[in-house]
Amino acid sequence: MTELTAEQRQQRCDWAREIWAGAPSDSRWTGLLGAVAALLQEEGLDLEAEDFLALFTRPEDHLNLLDTLFEEHARRKLLGEAP
C-alpha cells in the first residue's frame, strides 16, 4: 500500500465519522458491517465493542484498522456488495 498524504488520511477519518453520524439510517452502515464481518473472519481478529466504536468516533487512534476497513469497504463497493 502506498503511503497516504495527510489530506487522504484526514478524508478517511472524516469518512468514518460521517458514517457514524448517520448510522444506522445511512445505507453505507449495512455495507460497512458486512465489511467488518469479512475482515474479522479473514484476519481472525477479536475486535472488542469499544474498539469498534472508537474506530468511528476516534479514527485517528486506529489508523491501520481504518485503512483495512476502508479498503475492504471500497472492494465490496466495487463488487456491488456494499452501497
C-alpha atoms as a PDB file:
ATOM      1  CA  MET A   1       0.000   0.000   0.000  1.00  0.00           C
ATOM      2  CA  THR A   2       1.243   3.457  -0.818  1.00  0.00           C
ATOM      3  CA  GLU A   3       1.749   5.996   1.924  1.00  0.00           C
ATOM      4  CA  LEU A   4      -1.242   8.280   2.367  1.00  0.00           C
ATOM      5  CA  THR A   5      -0.934  12.040   2.406  1.00  0.00           C
ATOM      6  CA  ALA A   6      -2.180  13.971   5.412  1.00  0.00           C
ATOM      7  CA  GLU A   7      -5.190  15.042   3.349  1.00  0.00           C
ATOM      8  CA  GLN A   8      -6.023  11.454   2.357  1.00  0.00           C
ATOM      9  CA  ARG A   9      -5.640  10.359   5.972  1.00  0.00           C
ATOM     10  CA  GLN A  10      -7.994  13.131   7.096  1.00  0.00           C
ATOM     11  CA  GLN A  11     -10.515  12.132   4.404  1.00  0.00           C
ATOM     12  CA  ARG A  12     -10.598   8.575   5.748  1.00  0.00           C
ATOM     13  CA  CYS A  13     -11.084   9.806   9.297  1.00  0.00           C
ATOM     14  CA  ASP A  14     -13.869  12.126   8.144  1.00  0.00           C
ATOM     15  CA  TRP A  15     -15.429   9.197   6.231  1.00  0.00           C
ATOM     16  CA  ALA A  16     -15.558   7.131   9.427  1.00  0.00           C
ATOM     17  CA  ARG A  17     -17.082   9.972  11.460  1.00  0.00           C
ATOM     18  CA  GLU A  18     -19.626  10.740   8.727  1.00  0.00           C
ATOM     19  CA  ILE A  19     -20.819   7.140   8.608  1.00  0.00           C
ATOM     20  CA  TRP A  20     -21.033   7.013  12.398  1.00  0.00           C
ATOM     21  CA  ALA A  21     -23.072  10.238  12.479  1.00  0.00           C
ATOM     22  CA  GLY A  22     -25.624   8.753  10.067  1.00  0.00           C
ATOM     23  CA  ALA A  23     -25.715   5.220  11.453  1.00  0.00           C
ATOM     24  CA  PRO A  24     -27.907   3.196  11.317  1.00  0.00           C
ATOM     25  CA  SER A  25     -30.015   5.151   8.799  1.00  0.00           C
ATOM     26  CA  ASP A  26     -27.042   5.569   6.449  1.00  0.00           C
ATOM     27  CA  SER A  27     -27.157   2.787   3.839  1.00  0.00           C
ATOM     28  CA  ARG A  28     -23.371   2.584   3.979  1.00  0.00           C
ATOM     29  CA  TRP A  29     -23.658   1.321   7.545  1.00  0.00           C
ATOM     30  CA  THR A  30     -25.084  -2.016   6.421  1.00  0.00           C
ATOM     31  CA  GLY A  31     -22.342  -2.447   3.849  1.00  0.00           C
ATOM     32  CA  LEU A  32     -19.743  -1.437   6.376  1.00  0.00           C
ATOM     33  CA  LEU A  33     -20.945  -4.017   8.867  1.00  0.00           C
ATOM     34  CA  GLY A  34     -20.541  -6.622   6.133  1.00  0.00           C
ATOM     35  CA  ALA A  35     -17.004  -5.399   5.518  1.00  0.00           C
ATOM     36  CA  VAL A  36     -16.225  -5.584   9.238  1.00  0.00           C
ATOM     37  CA  ALA A  37     -17.554  -9.128   9.457  1.00  0.00           C
ATOM     38  CA  ALA A  38     -15.498 -10.193   6.433  1.00  0.00           C
ATOM     39  CA  LEU A  39     -12.401  -8.500   7.797  1.00  0.00           C
ATOM     40  CA  LEU A  40     -12.735 -10.108  11.209  1.00  0.00           C
ATOM     41  CA  GLN A  41     -13.290 -13.517   9.678  1.00  0.00           C
ATOM     42  CA  GLU A  42     -10.387 -13.266   7.231  1.00  0.00           C
ATOM     43  CA  GLU A  43      -7.921 -11.868   9.738  1.00  0.00           C
ATOM     44  CA  GLY A  44      -9.102 -13.876  12.729  1.00  0.00           C
ATOM     45  CA  LEU A  45      -9.335 -10.634  14.704  1.00  0.00           C
ATOM     46  CA  ASP A  46     -11.132 -10.317  18.009  1.00  0.00           C
ATOM     47  CA  LEU A  47     -12.414  -6.744  17.960  1.00  0.00           C
ATOM     48  CA  GLU A  48     -13.889  -5.534  21.213  1.00  0.00           C
ATOM     49  CA  ALA A  49     -17.065  -3.432  21.014  1.00  0.00           C
ATOM     50  CA  GLU A  50     -15.310  -0.371  22.393  1.00  0.00           C
ATOM     51  CA  ASP A  51     -12.592  -0.671  19.731  1.00  0.00           C
ATOM     52  CA  PHE A  52     -15.243  -0.878  17.033  1.00  0.00           C
ATOM     53  CA  LEU A  53     -16.965   2.254  18.345  1.00  0.00           C
ATOM     54  CA  ALA A  54     -13.640   4.057  18.719  1.00  0.00           C
ATOM     55  CA  LEU A  55     -12.831   3.278  15.089  1.00  0.00           C
ATOM     56  CA  PHE A  56     -15.642   5.656  14.135  1.00  0.00           C
ATOM     57  CA  THR A  57     -15.531   8.129  16.993  1.00  0.00           C
ATOM     58  CA  ARG A  58     -11.713   8.397  17.255  1.00  0.00           C
ATOM     59  CA  PRO A  59     -10.412   7.056  13.937  1.00  0.00           C
ATOM     60  CA  GLU A  60      -7.014   8.705  14.409  1.00  0.00           C
ATOM     61  CA  ASP A  61      -6.330   6.173  17.186  1.00  0.00           C
ATOM     62  CA  HIS A  62      -6.901   3.193  14.864  1.00  0.00           C
ATOM     63  CA  LEU A  63      -5.318   4.159  11.540  1.00  0.00           C
ATOM     64  CA  ASN A  64      -4.211   0.681  10.460  1.00  0.00           C
ATOM     65  CA  LEU A  65      -7.622  -0.840  11.135  1.00  0.00           C
ATOM     66  CA  LEU A  66      -9.311   2.141   9.484  1.00  0.00           C
ATOM     67  CA  ASP A  67      -7.191   1.667   6.362  1.00  0.00           C
ATOM     68  CA  THR A  68      -8.005  -2.022   6.196  1.00  0.00           C
ATOM     69  CA  LEU A  69     -11.713  -1.393   6.723  1.00  0.00           C
ATOM     70  CA  PHE A  70     -11.790   1.440   4.187  1.00  0.00           C
ATOM     71  CA  GLU A  71     -10.091  -0.743   1.578  1.00  0.00           C
ATOM     72  CA  GLU A  72     -12.381  -3.704   2.276  1.00  0.00           C
ATOM     73  CA  HIS A  73     -15.442  -1.478   2.019  1.00  0.00           C
ATOM     74  CA  ALA A  74     -14.147   0.004  -1.259  1.00  0.00           C
ATOM     75  CA  ARG A  75     -13.513  -3.508  -2.611  1.00  0.00           C
ATOM     76  CA  ARG A  76     -17.016  -4.652  -1.667  1.00  0.00           C
ATOM     77  CA  LYS A  77     -18.490  -1.499  -3.175  1.00  0.00           C
ATOM     78  CA  LEU A  78     -16.701  -2.155  -6.475  1.00  0.00           C
ATOM     79  CA  LEU A  79     -18.082  -5.697  -6.464  1.00  0.00           C
ATOM     80  CA  GLY A  80     -21.596  -4.398  -5.796  1.00  0.00           C
ATOM     81  CA  GLU A  81     -21.715  -5.982  -2.346  1.00  0.00           C
ATOM     82  CA  ALA A  82     -21.977  -2.687  -0.451  1.00  0.00           C
ATOM     83  CA  PRO A  83     -23.898   0.573  -1.021  1.00  0.00           C
END
